[in-house]
Amino acid sequence: MGKSYYELIDKTPSKAKFDLEAEGFGFSAYQVYEELFNEEFDRYSKHSMESCSNSEGWIE
């Protein structure tokens, strides 16, 4: 799914695949970092990107 897919859907929205998952997109930046710097990004930092992982921000 890249530029050609985007352009196809931009022209004909009915061809879009609505059941695609976006989970893998969350890791795209890690792959780009590794390609640019030839080292793996430290994924296990003190900041989590998972929903509701900031318990102080979700006080009920």
C-alpha atoms as a PDB file:
ATOM      1  CA  MET A   1       0.000   0.000   0.000  1.00  0.00           C
ATOM      2  CA  GLY A   2       1.858   2.988  -1.199  1.00  0.00           C
ATOM      3  CA  LYS A   3       1.529   5.909  -3.529  1.00  0.00           C
ATOM      4  CA  SER A   4      -0.081   3.899  -6.325  1.00  0.00           C
ATOM      5  CA  TYR A   5      -2.746   2.498  -3.967  1.00  0.00           C
ATOM      6  CA  TYR A   6      -3.448   5.970  -2.588  1.00  0.00           C
ATOM      7  CA  GLU A   7      -3.848   7.394  -6.079  1.00  0.00           C
ATOM      8  CA  LEU A   8      -6.136   4.511  -7.100  1.00  0.00           C
ATOM      9  CA  ILE A   9      -8.398   5.062  -4.094  1.00  0.00           C
ATOM     10  CA  ASP A  10      -8.308   8.820  -4.570  1.00  0.00           C
ATOM     11  CA  LYS A  11      -9.705   8.317  -8.084  1.00  0.00           C
ATOM     12  CA  THR A  12     -12.053   5.395  -7.301  1.00  0.00           C
ATOM     13  CA  PRO A  13     -12.965   5.213  -3.590  1.00  0.00           C
ATOM     14  CA  SER A  14     -15.159   2.145  -4.166  1.00  0.00           C
ATOM     15  CA  LYS A  15     -11.981   0.059  -4.614  1.00  0.00           C
ATOM     16  CA  ALA A  16     -10.786   0.759  -1.056  1.00  0.00           C
ATOM     17  CA  LYS A  17     -10.265  -2.228   1.217  1.00  0.00           C
ATOM     18  CA  PHE A  18     -12.192  -1.454   4.380  1.00  0.00           C
ATOM     19  CA  ASP A  19     -11.048  -4.450   6.411  1.00  0.00           C
ATOM     20  CA  LEU A  20      -7.353  -3.540   6.530  1.00  0.00           C
ATOM     21  CA  GLU A  21      -5.632  -3.313   9.898  1.00  0.00           C
ATOM     22  CA  ALA A  22      -3.483  -0.323  10.765  1.00  0.00           C
ATOM     23  CA  GLU A  23      -1.529  -1.936  13.601  1.00  0.00           C
ATOM     24  CA  GLY A  24       1.590  -2.375  11.497  1.00  0.00           C
ATOM     25  CA  PHE A  25       1.668   1.326  10.673  1.00  0.00           C
ATOM     26  CA  GLY A  26       2.549   2.062  14.281  1.00  0.00           C
ATOM     27  CA  PHE A  27       5.895   0.387  13.680  1.00  0.00           C
ATOM     28  CA  SER A  28       6.756   2.108  10.390  1.00  0.00           C
ATOM     29  CA  ALA A  29       8.856   4.791  12.067  1.00  0.00           C
ATOM     30  CA  TYR A  30      10.977   2.087  13.729  1.00  0.00           C
ATOM     31  CA  GLN A  31      11.729   0.558  10.341  1.00  0.00           C
ATOM     32  CA  VAL A  32      12.656   3.919   8.832  1.00  0.00           C
ATOM     33  CA  TYR A  33      14.931   4.692  11.798  1.00  0.00           C
ATOM     34  CA  GLU A  34      16.714   1.373  11.381  1.00  0.00           C
ATOM     35  CA  GLU A  35      17.180   1.957   7.641  1.00  0.00           C
ATOM     36  CA  LEU A  36      18.563   5.467   8.195  1.00  0.00           C
ATOM     37  CA  PHE A  37      20.859   4.796  11.146  1.00  0.00           C
ATOM     38  CA  ASN A  38      21.704   1.089  10.756  1.00  0.00           C
ATOM     39  CA  GLU A  39      20.614   0.366  14.318  1.00  0.00           C
ATOM     40  CA  GLU A  40      17.400  -0.693  15.982  1.00  0.00           C
ATOM     41  CA  PHE A  41      15.355   1.988  17.735  1.00  0.00           C
ATOM     42  CA  ASP A  42      14.980   1.475  21.499  1.00  0.00           C
ATOM     43  CA  ARG A  43      11.284   0.589  21.566  1.00  0.00           C
ATOM     44  CA  TYR A  44      11.020   0.014  25.268  1.00  0.00           C
ATOM     45  CA  SER A  45      11.385   3.561  26.516  1.00  0.00           C
ATOM     46  CA  LYS A  46       9.415   5.054  29.377  1.00  0.00           C
ATOM     47  CA  HIS A  47       6.753   6.270  26.922  1.00  0.00           C
ATOM     48  CA  SER A  48       4.218   3.791  25.580  1.00  0.00           C
ATOM     49  CA  MET A  49       2.147   4.347  22.445  1.00  0.00           C
ATOM     50  CA  GLU A  50      -0.574   1.919  23.505  1.00  0.00           C
ATOM     51  CA  SER A  51      -4.056   3.271  24.125  1.00  0.00           C
ATOM     52  CA  CYS A  52      -4.814   4.107  27.756  1.00  0.00           C
ATOM     53  CA  SER A  53      -1.237   3.288  28.839  1.00  0.00           C
ATOM     54  CA  ASN A  54      -0.909   6.658  30.603  1.00  0.00           C
ATOM     55  CA  SER A  55      -2.847   5.863  33.770  1.00  0.00           C
ATOM     56  CA  GLU A  56      -2.319   9.391  35.136  1.00  0.00           C
ATOM     57  CA  GLY A  57      -3.961  10.809  32.030  1.00  0.00           C
ATOM     58  CA  TRP A  58      -6.992   8.519  32.330  1.00  0.00           C
ATOM     59  CA  ILE A  59      -8.153   9.314  35.843  1.00  0.00           C
ATOM     60  CA  GLU A  60     -11.828   8.519  36.264  1.00  0.00           C
END
